[in-house]
Amino acid sequence: MADTSLELEAGRTPGVDQSSGRWRGWVLPLAALAVWWYVSRNASSTHGIMVSPAQVLRTAIDQVESGALWRALSASLARELTGFAIGSVAGLALGALLGVSKIANRAIGPSFNTFKQVSLFAWIPLISVWFGLGDVAKVVFLSLAALVPVVVHTSDGIRAVSPALLDVARVFRYNKLQTVTHVVLPAALPSVFTGIYLALIYSWLATLGAEYLLVAGSGIGNTLVDGSEQFRMDLVVFGVIVIGVTGWALNALARAIQRRWFTHAREARQTK
């Protein structure tokens, strides 16, 4: 039973061999690649629109050798990580305040619930007027994307702490600060991690939207814009692939950090 709970904490499905089904994840991409190759080879009427895998590969090589890929990707990731960090820190602070303080939740909660119902892209006109079209505007936009999931999951995780744990804190005569730091926050960590994980993914998705709509500067989103304006579908498809692979890498990194954290927490509990 304990092993099952630890598997759940680490984000694994209990009783399932993780290595046995990994190869199946390649079936759909390989099938899509085969269909893409066949259609691009045989559909002569789509010349210029349906580019071949070979054309995209040549574009990828050109982008790598010229350094254009690294410049665009580093610019996008720098904005994404900056916005993610700012939004996550602010979200943790606000989420903890809403979760711990009933007064703050009553005073701020309704306004925040209204704020989070507004589509993220609805803020772009105001952001572009207030902050321009440069990196500052993009980082503000990405911070908003990261803020909401962290606030929601942090506050919900704190409010979901078992009353039994709070009773234990009272038995040990913890003050308010000790109860929060030693009992409430550790118990809420799984939910907090979920919010941070979602913030990382949302901020990456928002990065491409910000670069596409706030077109000043460089980035992967600007690569898509350039490809579209020049009618270079090979460049557009290449940009889409880079976006997908980068998103997959960020997802894998977040999951690895989560597993490592819970493994460390498990070992710490066992040594006590």
C-alpha atoms as a PDB file:
ATOM      1  CA  MET A   1       0.000   0.000   0.000  1.00  0.00           C
ATOM      2  CA  ALA A   2       2.849   2.340   0.866  1.00  0.00           C
ATOM      3  CA  ASP A   3       4.554   1.581  -2.449  1.00  0.00           C
ATOM      4  CA  THR A   4       1.348   2.430  -4.301  1.00  0.00           C
ATOM      5  CA  SER A   5       1.029   5.805  -2.575  1.00  0.00           C
ATOM      6  CA  LEU A   6       4.648   6.619  -3.340  1.00  0.00           C
ATOM      7  CA  GLU A   7       4.101   5.752  -6.994  1.00  0.00           C
ATOM      8  CA  LEU A   8       1.137   8.105  -7.073  1.00  0.00           C
ATOM      9  CA  GLU A   9       3.183  10.876  -5.462  1.00  0.00           C
ATOM     10  CA  ALA A  10       5.886  10.448  -8.086  1.00  0.00           C
ATOM     11  CA  GLY A  11       3.357  10.722 -10.893  1.00  0.00           C
ATOM     12  CA  ARG A  12       3.434   7.037 -11.932  1.00  0.00           C
ATOM     13  CA  THR A  13       0.539   4.650 -12.463  1.00  0.00           C
ATOM     14  CA  PRO A  14       0.621   1.880  -9.829  1.00  0.00           C
ATOM     15  CA  GLY A  15       1.352  -1.622 -11.133  1.00  0.00           C
ATOM     16  CA  VAL A  16       2.259  -0.495 -14.656  1.00  0.00           C
ATOM     17  CA  ASP A  17       5.668  -1.211 -16.186  1.00  0.00           C
ATOM     18  CA  GLN A  18       6.745   2.226 -17.357  1.00  0.00           C
ATOM     19  CA  SER A  19       9.275   0.917 -19.907  1.00  0.00           C
ATOM     20  CA  SER A  20       6.972  -1.586 -21.630  1.00  0.00           C
ATOM     21  CA  GLY A  21       4.748   0.986 -23.317  1.00  0.00           C
ATOM     22  CA  ARG A  22       7.249   3.709 -24.147  1.00  0.00           C
ATOM     23  CA  TRP A  23       7.802   2.526 -27.704  1.00  0.00           C
ATOM     24  CA  ARG A  24       4.073   2.867 -28.381  1.00  0.00           C
ATOM     25  CA  GLY A  25       4.414   6.622 -28.073  1.00  0.00           C
ATOM     26  CA  TRP A  26       6.388   6.581 -31.323  1.00  0.00           C
ATOM     27  CA  VAL A  27       3.655   4.863 -33.338  1.00  0.00           C
ATOM     28  CA  LEU A  28       1.550   7.960 -34.018  1.00  0.00           C
ATOM     29  CA  PRO A  29       4.471  10.302 -34.889  1.00  0.00           C
ATOM     30  CA  LEU A  30       5.963   7.725 -37.273  1.00  0.00           C
ATOM     31  CA  ALA A  31       2.568   7.093 -38.874  1.00  0.00           C
ATOM     32  CA  ALA A  32       2.024  10.854 -39.272  1.00  0.00           C
ATOM     33  CA  LEU A  33       5.494  11.180 -40.823  1.00  0.00           C
ATOM     34  CA  ALA A  34       4.709   8.397 -43.303  1.00  0.00           C
ATOM     35  CA  VAL A  35       1.392  10.000 -44.284  1.00  0.00           C
ATOM     36  CA  TRP A  36       3.072  13.404 -44.588  1.00  0.00           C
ATOM     37  CA  TRP A  37       5.791  11.977 -46.848  1.00  0.00           C
ATOM     38  CA  TYR A  38       3.236  10.164 -49.032  1.00  0.00           C
ATOM     39  CA  VAL A  39       0.930  13.183 -49.436  1.00  0.00           C
ATOM     40  CA  SER A  40       3.770  15.607 -50.174  1.00  0.00           C
ATOM     41  CA  ARG A  41       5.196  13.193 -52.737  1.00  0.00           C
ATOM     42  CA  ASN A  42       1.947  12.485 -54.590  1.00  0.00           C
ATOM     43  CA  ALA A  43      -0.194  15.633 -54.208  1.00  0.00           C
ATOM     44  CA  SER A  44       1.294  17.797 -56.962  1.00  0.00           C
ATOM     45  CA  SER A  45      -1.562  20.316 -56.702  1.00  0.00           C
ATOM     46  CA  THR A  46      -0.402  21.312 -53.207  1.00  0.00           C
ATOM     47  CA  HIS A  47       3.044  22.418 -54.361  1.00  0.00           C
ATOM     48  CA  GLY A  48       4.271  25.188 -52.083  1.00  0.00           C
ATOM     49  CA  ILE A  49       1.632  24.445 -49.470  1.00  0.00           C
ATOM     50  CA  MET A  50       2.353  20.822 -48.575  1.00  0.00           C
ATOM     51  CA  VAL A  51       6.123  20.791 -48.156  1.00  0.00           C
ATOM     52  CA  SER A  52       7.986  17.506 -47.869  1.00  0.00           C
ATOM     53  CA  PRO A  53       9.854  16.216 -44.807  1.00  0.00           C
ATOM     54  CA  ALA A  54      13.075  16.556 -46.820  1.00  0.00           C
ATOM     55  CA  GLN A  55      12.431  20.282 -47.367  1.00  0.00           C
ATOM     56  CA  VAL A  56      11.783  20.810 -43.667  1.00  0.00           C
ATOM     57  CA  LEU A  57      14.939  18.868 -42.817  1.00  0.00           C
ATOM     58  CA  ARG A  58      16.999  21.091 -45.138  1.00  0.00           C
ATOM     59  CA  THR A  59      15.461  24.170 -43.509  1.00  0.00           C
ATOM     60  CA  ALA A  60      16.273  22.771 -40.070  1.00  0.00           C
ATOM     61  CA  ILE A  61      19.909  22.249 -41.065  1.00  0.00           C
ATOM     62  CA  ASP A  62      20.113  25.799 -42.442  1.00  0.00           C
ATOM     63  CA  GLN A  63      18.566  27.245 -39.276  1.00  0.00           C
ATOM     64  CA  VAL A  64      20.971  25.324 -37.048  1.00  0.00           C
ATOM     65  CA  GLU A  65      24.091  26.109 -39.084  1.00  0.00           C
ATOM     66  CA  SER A  66      23.273  29.812 -39.364  1.00  0.00           C
ATOM     67  CA  GLY A  67      22.545  30.078 -35.639  1.00  0.00           C
ATOM     68  CA  ALA A  68      19.048  31.454 -36.310  1.00  0.00           C
ATOM     69  CA  LEU A  69      17.417  28.588 -34.396  1.00  0.00           C
ATOM     70  CA  TRP A  70      19.490  29.130 -31.265  1.00  0.00           C
ATOM     71  CA  ARG A  71      18.952  32.897 -31.303  1.00  0.00           C
ATOM     72  CA  ALA A  72      15.189  32.513 -31.664  1.00  0.00           C
ATOM     73  CA  LEU A  73      14.891  29.666 -29.165  1.00  0.00           C
ATOM     74  CA  SER A  74      17.074  31.336 -26.533  1.00  0.00           C
ATOM     75  CA  ALA A  75      15.056  34.564 -26.827  1.00  0.00           C
ATOM     76  CA  SER A  76      11.770  32.684 -26.403  1.00  0.00           C
ATOM     77  CA  LEU A  77      13.010  30.593 -23.482  1.00  0.00           C
ATOM     78  CA  ALA A  78      14.479  33.633 -21.723  1.00  0.00           C
ATOM     79  CA  ARG A  79      11.111  35.400 -21.879  1.00  0.00           C
ATOM     80  CA  GLU A  80       9.239  32.244 -20.896  1.00  0.00           C
ATOM     81  CA  LEU A  81      11.381  31.470 -17.862  1.00  0.00           C
ATOM     82  CA  THR A  82      11.390  35.097 -16.699  1.00  0.00           C
ATOM     83  CA  GLY A  83       7.613  35.370 -16.928  1.00  0.00           C
ATOM     84  CA  PHE A  84       7.208  31.932 -15.349  1.00  0.00           C
ATOM     85  CA  ALA A  85       9.439  32.861 -12.404  1.00  0.00           C
ATOM     86  CA  ILE A  86       7.712  36.193 -11.752  1.00  0.00           C
ATOM     87  CA  GLY A  87       4.221  34.739 -12.107  1.00  0.00           C
ATOM     88  CA  SER A  88       5.018  31.701  -9.949  1.00  0.00           C
ATOM     89  CA  VAL A  89       6.526  33.704  -7.083  1.00  0.00           C
ATOM     90  CA  ALA A  90       3.613  36.149  -7.107  1.00  0.00           C
ATOM     91  CA  GLY A  91       1.170  33.248  -7.413  1.00  0.00           C
ATOM     92  CA  LEU A  92       2.679  31.397  -4.462  1.00  0.00           C
ATOM     93  CA  ALA A  93       2.457  34.496  -2.280  1.00  0.00           C
ATOM     94  CA  LEU A  94      -1.115  35.335  -3.267  1.00  0.00           C
ATOM     95  CA  GLY A  95      -2.263  31.705  -3.184  1.00  0.00           C
ATOM     96  CA  ALA A  96      -0.802  31.186   0.287  1.00  0.00           C
ATOM     97  CA  LEU A  97      -2.471  34.377   1.514  1.00  0.00           C
ATOM     98  CA  LEU A  98      -5.862  33.335   0.138  1.00  0.00           C
ATOM     99  CA  GLY A  99      -5.495  29.821   1.529  1.00  0.00           C
ATOM    100  CA  VAL A 100      -4.330  30.756   5.014  1.00  0.00           C
ATOM    101  CA  SER A 101      -6.337  33.911   5.707  1.00  0.00           C
ATOM    102  CA  LYS A 102     -10.134  33.810   5.602  1.00  0.00           C
ATOM    103  CA  ILE A 103     -10.192  37.607   5.774  1.00  0.00           C
ATOM    104  CA  ALA A 104      -7.930  37.908   2.714  1.00  0.00           C
ATOM    105  CA  ASN A 105      -9.976  35.297   0.869  1.00  0.00           C
ATOM    106  CA  ARG A 106     -13.183  37.231   1.481  1.00  0.00           C
ATOM    107  CA  ALA A 107     -11.553  40.551   0.529  1.00  0.00           C
ATOM    108  CA  ILE A 108      -9.481  39.467  -2.487  1.00  0.00           C
ATOM    109  CA  GLY A 109     -11.048  36.178  -3.576  1.00  0.00           C
ATOM    110  CA  PRO A 110     -14.048  37.596  -5.487  1.00  0.00           C
ATOM    111  CA  SER A 111     -11.854  40.053  -7.400  1.00  0.00           C
ATOM    112  CA  PHE A 112      -9.351  37.324  -8.282  1.00  0.00           C
ATOM    113  CA  ASN A 113     -12.117  34.967  -9.403  1.00  0.00           C
ATOM    114  CA  THR A 114     -13.383  37.708 -11.719  1.00  0.00           C
ATOM    115  CA  PHE A 115      -9.862  38.384 -12.997  1.00  0.00           C
ATOM    116  CA  LYS A 116      -9.184  34.748 -13.876  1.00  0.00           C
ATOM    117  CA  GLN A 117     -12.356  34.562 -16.000  1.00  0.00           C
ATOM    118  CA  VAL A 118     -10.929  37.135 -18.421  1.00  0.00           C
ATOM    119  CA  SER A 119      -9.244  35.507 -21.400  1.00  0.00           C
ATOM    120  CA  LEU A 120      -5.488  35.945 -21.264  1.00  0.00           C
ATOM    121  CA  PHE A 121      -5.351  37.343 -24.791  1.00  0.00           C
ATOM    122  CA  ALA A 122      -7.914  39.998 -23.881  1.00  0.00           C
ATOM    123  CA  TRP A 123      -5.144  41.746 -21.937  1.00  0.00           C
ATOM    124  CA  ILE A 124      -2.909  42.197 -24.995  1.00  0.00           C
ATOM    125  CA  PRO A 125      -4.440  45.530 -26.158  1.00  0.00           C
ATOM    126  CA  LEU A 126      -3.928  47.050 -22.705  1.00  0.00           C
ATOM    127  CA  ILE A 127      -0.476  45.539 -22.263  1.00  0.00           C
ATOM    128  CA  SER A 128       0.660  46.803 -25.666  1.00  0.00           C
ATOM    129  CA  VAL A 129      -0.536  50.332 -24.822  1.00  0.00           C
ATOM    130  CA  TRP A 130       0.955  50.370 -21.325  1.00  0.00           C
ATOM    131  CA  PHE A 131       4.237  48.541 -22.004  1.00  0.00           C
ATOM    132  CA  GLY A 132       4.750  48.724 -25.773  1.00  0.00           C
ATOM    133  CA  LEU A 133       5.600  45.755 -27.988  1.00  0.00           C
ATOM    134  CA  GLY A 134       8.999  44.813 -26.556  1.00  0.00           C
ATOM    135  CA  ASP A 135      10.235  42.257 -24.059  1.00  0.00           C
ATOM    136  CA  VAL A 136       8.696  43.998 -21.043  1.00  0.00           C
ATOM    137  CA  ALA A 137       5.205  43.635 -22.510  1.00  0.00           C
ATOM    138  CA  LYS A 138       5.828  39.978 -23.335  1.00  0.00           C
ATOM    139  CA  VAL A 139       7.129  39.197 -19.843  1.00  0.00           C
ATOM    140  CA  VAL A 140       4.103  40.884 -18.240  1.00  0.00           C
ATOM    141  CA  PHE A 141       1.832  38.788 -20.464  1.00  0.00           C
ATOM    142  CA  LEU A 142       3.666  35.577 -19.550  1.00  0.00           C
ATOM    143  CA  SER A 143       3.591  36.445 -15.849  1.00  0.00           C
ATOM    144  CA  LEU A 144      -0.192  36.661 -16.034  1.00  0.00           C
ATOM    145  CA  ALA A 145      -0.282  33.265 -17.752  1.00  0.00           C
ATOM    146  CA  ALA A 146       1.765  31.691 -14.954  1.00  0.00           C
ATOM    147  CA  LEU A 147       0.042  33.516 -12.095  1.00  0.00           C
ATOM    148  CA  VAL A 148      -3.457  32.044 -12.242  1.00  0.00           C
ATOM    149  CA  PRO A 149      -2.749  28.274 -12.012  1.00  0.00           C
ATOM    150  CA  VAL A 150      -0.274  28.782  -9.172  1.00  0.00           C
ATOM    151  CA  VAL A 151      -2.711  30.907  -7.163  1.00  0.00           C
ATOM    152  CA  VAL A 152      -5.596  28.487  -7.695  1.00  0.00           C
ATOM    153  CA  HIS A 153      -3.701  25.294  -6.850  1.00  0.00           C
ATOM    154  CA  THR A 154      -1.800  26.800  -3.930  1.00  0.00           C
ATOM    155  CA  SER A 155      -4.910  28.191  -2.251  1.00  0.00           C
ATOM    156  CA  ASP A 156      -6.940  25.036  -2.955  1.00  0.00           C
ATOM    157  CA  GLY A 157      -4.139  22.823  -1.637  1.00  0.00           C
ATOM    158  CA  ILE A 158      -3.884  24.792   1.591  1.00  0.00           C
ATOM    159  CA  ARG A 159      -7.632  24.774   2.163  1.00  0.00           C
ATOM    160  CA  ALA A 160      -7.715  21.001   1.538  1.00  0.00           C
ATOM    161  CA  VAL A 161      -5.273  20.205   4.364  1.00  0.00           C
ATOM    162  CA  SER A 162      -6.752  17.550   6.638  1.00  0.00           C
ATOM    163  CA  PRO A 163      -8.221  18.859   9.918  1.00  0.00           C
ATOM    164  CA  ALA A 164      -6.423  15.974  11.628  1.00  0.00           C
ATOM    165  CA  LEU A 165      -3.084  17.552  10.750  1.00  0.00           C
ATOM    166  CA  LEU A 166      -4.232  20.862  12.207  1.00  0.00           C
ATOM    167  CA  ASP A 167      -5.243  19.022  15.381  1.00  0.00           C
ATOM    168  CA  VAL A 168      -1.719  17.603  15.600  1.00  0.00           C
ATOM    169  CA  ALA A 169      -0.323  21.126  15.292  1.00  0.00           C
ATOM    170  CA  ARG A 170      -2.535  22.235  18.165  1.00  0.00           C
ATOM    171  CA  VAL A 171      -1.364  19.277  20.277  1.00  0.00           C
ATOM    172  CA  PHE A 172       2.234  20.376  19.749  1.00  0.00           C
ATOM    173  CA  ARG A 173       1.157  23.955  20.522  1.00  0.00           C
ATOM    174  CA  TYR A 174       2.441  25.378  17.254  1.00  0.00           C
ATOM    175  CA  ASN A 175       1.817  29.054  16.715  1.00  0.00           C
ATOM    176  CA  LYS A 176       0.272  30.314  13.462  1.00  0.00           C
ATOM    177  CA  LEU A 177       3.586  30.622  11.634  1.00  0.00           C
ATOM    178  CA  GLN A 178       4.803  27.196  12.759  1.00  0.00           C
ATOM    179  CA  THR A 179       1.513  25.613  11.724  1.00  0.00           C
ATOM    180  CA  VAL A 180       1.787  27.114   8.258  1.00  0.00           C
ATOM    181  CA  THR A 181       5.466  26.296   7.687  1.00  0.00           C
ATOM    182  CA  HIS A 182       5.616  22.847   9.335  1.00  0.00           C
ATOM    183  CA  VAL A 183       2.149  21.461   8.649  1.00  0.00           C
ATOM    184  CA  VAL A 184       0.070  23.340   6.077  1.00  0.00           C
ATOM    185  CA  LEU A 185       2.621  24.031   3.340  1.00  0.00           C
ATOM    186  CA  PRO A 186       4.201  20.533   3.356  1.00  0.00           C
ATOM    187  CA  ALA A 187       0.736  18.959   3.138  1.00  0.00           C
ATOM    188  CA  ALA A 188      -0.219  21.276   0.269  1.00  0.00           C
ATOM    189  CA  LEU A 189       2.972  20.648  -1.752  1.00  0.00           C
ATOM    190  CA  PRO A 190       1.467  18.156  -4.250  1.00  0.00           C
ATOM    191  CA  SER A 191      -1.182  20.694  -5.228  1.00  0.00           C
ATOM    192  CA  VAL A 192       1.402  23.497  -5.318  1.00  0.00           C
ATOM    193  CA  PHE A 193       3.607  21.439  -7.635  1.00  0.00           C
ATOM    194  CA  THR A 194       0.637  20.882  -9.925  1.00  0.00           C
ATOM    195  CA  GLY A 195       0.099  24.637 -10.148  1.00  0.00           C
ATOM    196  CA  ILE A 196       3.771  25.292 -10.886  1.00  0.00           C
ATOM    197  CA  TYR A 197       3.810  22.551 -13.521  1.00  0.00           C
ATOM    198  CA  LEU A 198       0.765  24.050 -15.240  1.00  0.00           C
ATOM    199  CA  ALA A 199       2.310  27.523 -15.004  1.00  0.00           C
ATOM    200  CA  LEU A 200       5.411  26.277 -16.831  1.00  0.00           C
ATOM    201  CA  ILE A 201       3.321  24.791 -19.647  1.00  0.00           C
ATOM    202  CA  TYR A 202       0.897  27.735 -19.865  1.00  0.00           C
ATOM    203  CA  SER A 203       3.711  30.276 -19.954  1.00  0.00           C
ATOM    204  CA  TRP A 204       5.369  28.411 -22.834  1.00  0.00           C
ATOM    205  CA  LEU A 205       2.109  28.366 -24.791  1.00  0.00           C
ATOM    206  CA  ALA A 206       1.622  32.054 -24.015  1.00  0.00           C
ATOM    207  CA  THR A 207       5.168  32.806 -25.186  1.00  0.00           C
ATOM    208  CA  LEU A 208       4.273  31.860 -28.737  1.00  0.00           C
ATOM    209  CA  GLY A 209       1.051  33.853 -28.584  1.00  0.00           C
ATOM    210  CA  ALA A 210       2.883  36.910 -27.257  1.00  0.00           C
ATOM    211  CA  GLU A 211       5.548  36.718 -29.956  1.00  0.00           C
ATOM    212  CA  TYR A 212       2.956  36.213 -32.660  1.00  0.00           C
ATOM    213  CA  LEU A 213       0.792  39.145 -31.571  1.00  0.00           C
ATOM    214  CA  LEU A 214       3.486  41.442 -30.139  1.00  0.00           C
ATOM    215  CA  VAL A 215       5.767  41.024 -33.108  1.00  0.00           C
ATOM    216  CA  ALA A 216       8.725  43.208 -32.100  1.00  0.00           C
ATOM    217  CA  GLY A 217      11.940  41.310 -31.361  1.00  0.00           C
ATOM    218  CA  SER A 218      13.066  37.771 -32.101  1.00  0.00           C
ATOM    219  CA  GLY A 219      11.757  34.377 -31.050  1.00  0.00           C
ATOM    220  CA  ILE A 220      10.216  31.170 -32.330  1.00  0.00           C
ATOM    221  CA  GLY A 221       6.866  32.928 -32.689  1.00  0.00           C
ATOM    222  CA  ASN A 222       8.522  35.502 -34.923  1.00  0.00           C
ATOM    223  CA  THR A 223       9.944  32.637 -36.999  1.00  0.00           C
ATOM    224  CA  LEU A 224       6.369  31.519 -37.678  1.00  0.00           C
ATOM    225  CA  VAL A 225       5.392  35.063 -38.629  1.00  0.00           C
ATOM    226  CA  ASP A 226       8.349  35.374 -41.004  1.00  0.00           C
ATOM    227  CA  GLY A 227       7.583  32.030 -42.618  1.00  0.00           C
ATOM    228  CA  SER A 228       3.926  32.935 -43.076  1.00  0.00           C
ATOM    229  CA  GLU A 229       4.677  36.356 -44.563  1.00  0.00           C
ATOM    230  CA  GLN A 230       7.243  34.891 -46.962  1.00  0.00           C
ATOM    231  CA  PHE A 231       4.954  31.950 -47.786  1.00  0.00           C
ATOM    232  CA  ARG A 232       7.697  29.572 -46.666  1.00  0.00           C
ATOM    233  CA  MET A 233       5.733  26.628 -45.331  1.00  0.00           C
ATOM    234  CA  ASP A 234       8.961  24.739 -44.696  1.00  0.00           C
ATOM    235  CA  LEU A 235       9.941  27.420 -42.162  1.00  0.00           C
ATOM    236  CA  VAL A 236       6.468  27.404 -40.606  1.00  0.00           C
ATOM    237  CA  VAL A 237       6.431  23.612 -40.213  1.00  0.00           C
ATOM    238  CA  PHE A 238       9.958  23.688 -38.814  1.00  0.00           C
ATOM    239  CA  GLY A 239       8.891  26.306 -36.257  1.00  0.00           C
ATOM    240  CA  VAL A 240       5.868  24.241 -35.232  1.00  0.00           C
ATOM    241  CA  ILE A 241       8.075  21.176 -34.720  1.00  0.00           C
ATOM    242  CA  VAL A 242      10.533  23.180 -32.597  1.00  0.00           C
ATOM    243  CA  ILE A 243       7.648  24.496 -30.493  1.00  0.00           C
ATOM    244  CA  GLY A 244       6.300  20.992 -29.915  1.00  0.00           C
ATOM    245  CA  VAL A 245       9.682  19.476 -29.062  1.00  0.00           C
ATOM    246  CA  THR A 246      10.501  22.334 -26.685  1.00  0.00           C
ATOM    247  CA  GLY A 247       7.134  21.968 -24.960  1.00  0.00           C
ATOM    248  CA  TRP A 248       7.735  18.230 -24.611  1.00  0.00           C
ATOM    249  CA  ALA A 249      11.177  18.895 -23.110  1.00  0.00           C
ATOM    250  CA  LEU A 250       9.759  21.381 -20.594  1.00  0.00           C
ATOM    251  CA  ASN A 251       7.067  18.875 -19.631  1.00  0.00           C
ATOM    252  CA  ALA A 252       9.663  16.119 -19.168  1.00  0.00           C
ATOM    253  CA  LEU A 253      11.875  18.436 -17.100  1.00  0.00           C
ATOM    254  CA  ALA A 254       8.988  19.414 -14.826  1.00  0.00           C
ATOM    255  CA  ARG A 255       8.009  15.764 -14.308  1.00  0.00           C
ATOM    256  CA  ALA A 256      11.613  14.789 -13.550  1.00  0.00           C
ATOM    257  CA  ILE A 257      11.945  17.550 -10.953  1.00  0.00           C
ATOM    258  CA  GLN A 258       8.641  16.490  -9.400  1.00  0.00           C
ATOM    259  CA  ARG A 259       9.736  12.835  -9.176  1.00  0.00           C
ATOM    260  CA  ARG A 260      13.092  13.802  -7.698  1.00  0.00           C
ATOM    261  CA  TRP A 261      11.438  16.034  -5.107  1.00  0.00           C
ATOM    262  CA  PHE A 262       9.025  13.324  -3.955  1.00  0.00           C
ATOM    263  CA  THR A 263      11.821  10.744  -3.885  1.00  0.00           C
ATOM    264  CA  HIS A 264      13.845  13.080  -1.664  1.00  0.00           C
ATOM    265  CA  ALA A 265      10.799  13.678   0.558  1.00  0.00           C
ATOM    266  CA  ARG A 266      10.212   9.927   0.871  1.00  0.00           C
ATOM    267  CA  GLU A 267      13.844   9.303   1.851  1.00  0.00           C
ATOM    268  CA  ALA A 268      13.674  12.133   4.383  1.00  0.00           C
ATOM    269  CA  ARG A 269      10.555  10.588   5.965  1.00  0.00           C
ATOM    270  CA  GLN A 270      12.203   7.170   6.129  1.00  0.00           C
ATOM    271  CA  THR A 271      15.281   8.507   7.929  1.00  0.00           C
ATOM    272  CA  LYS A 272      13.212  10.178  10.643  1.00  0.00           C
END
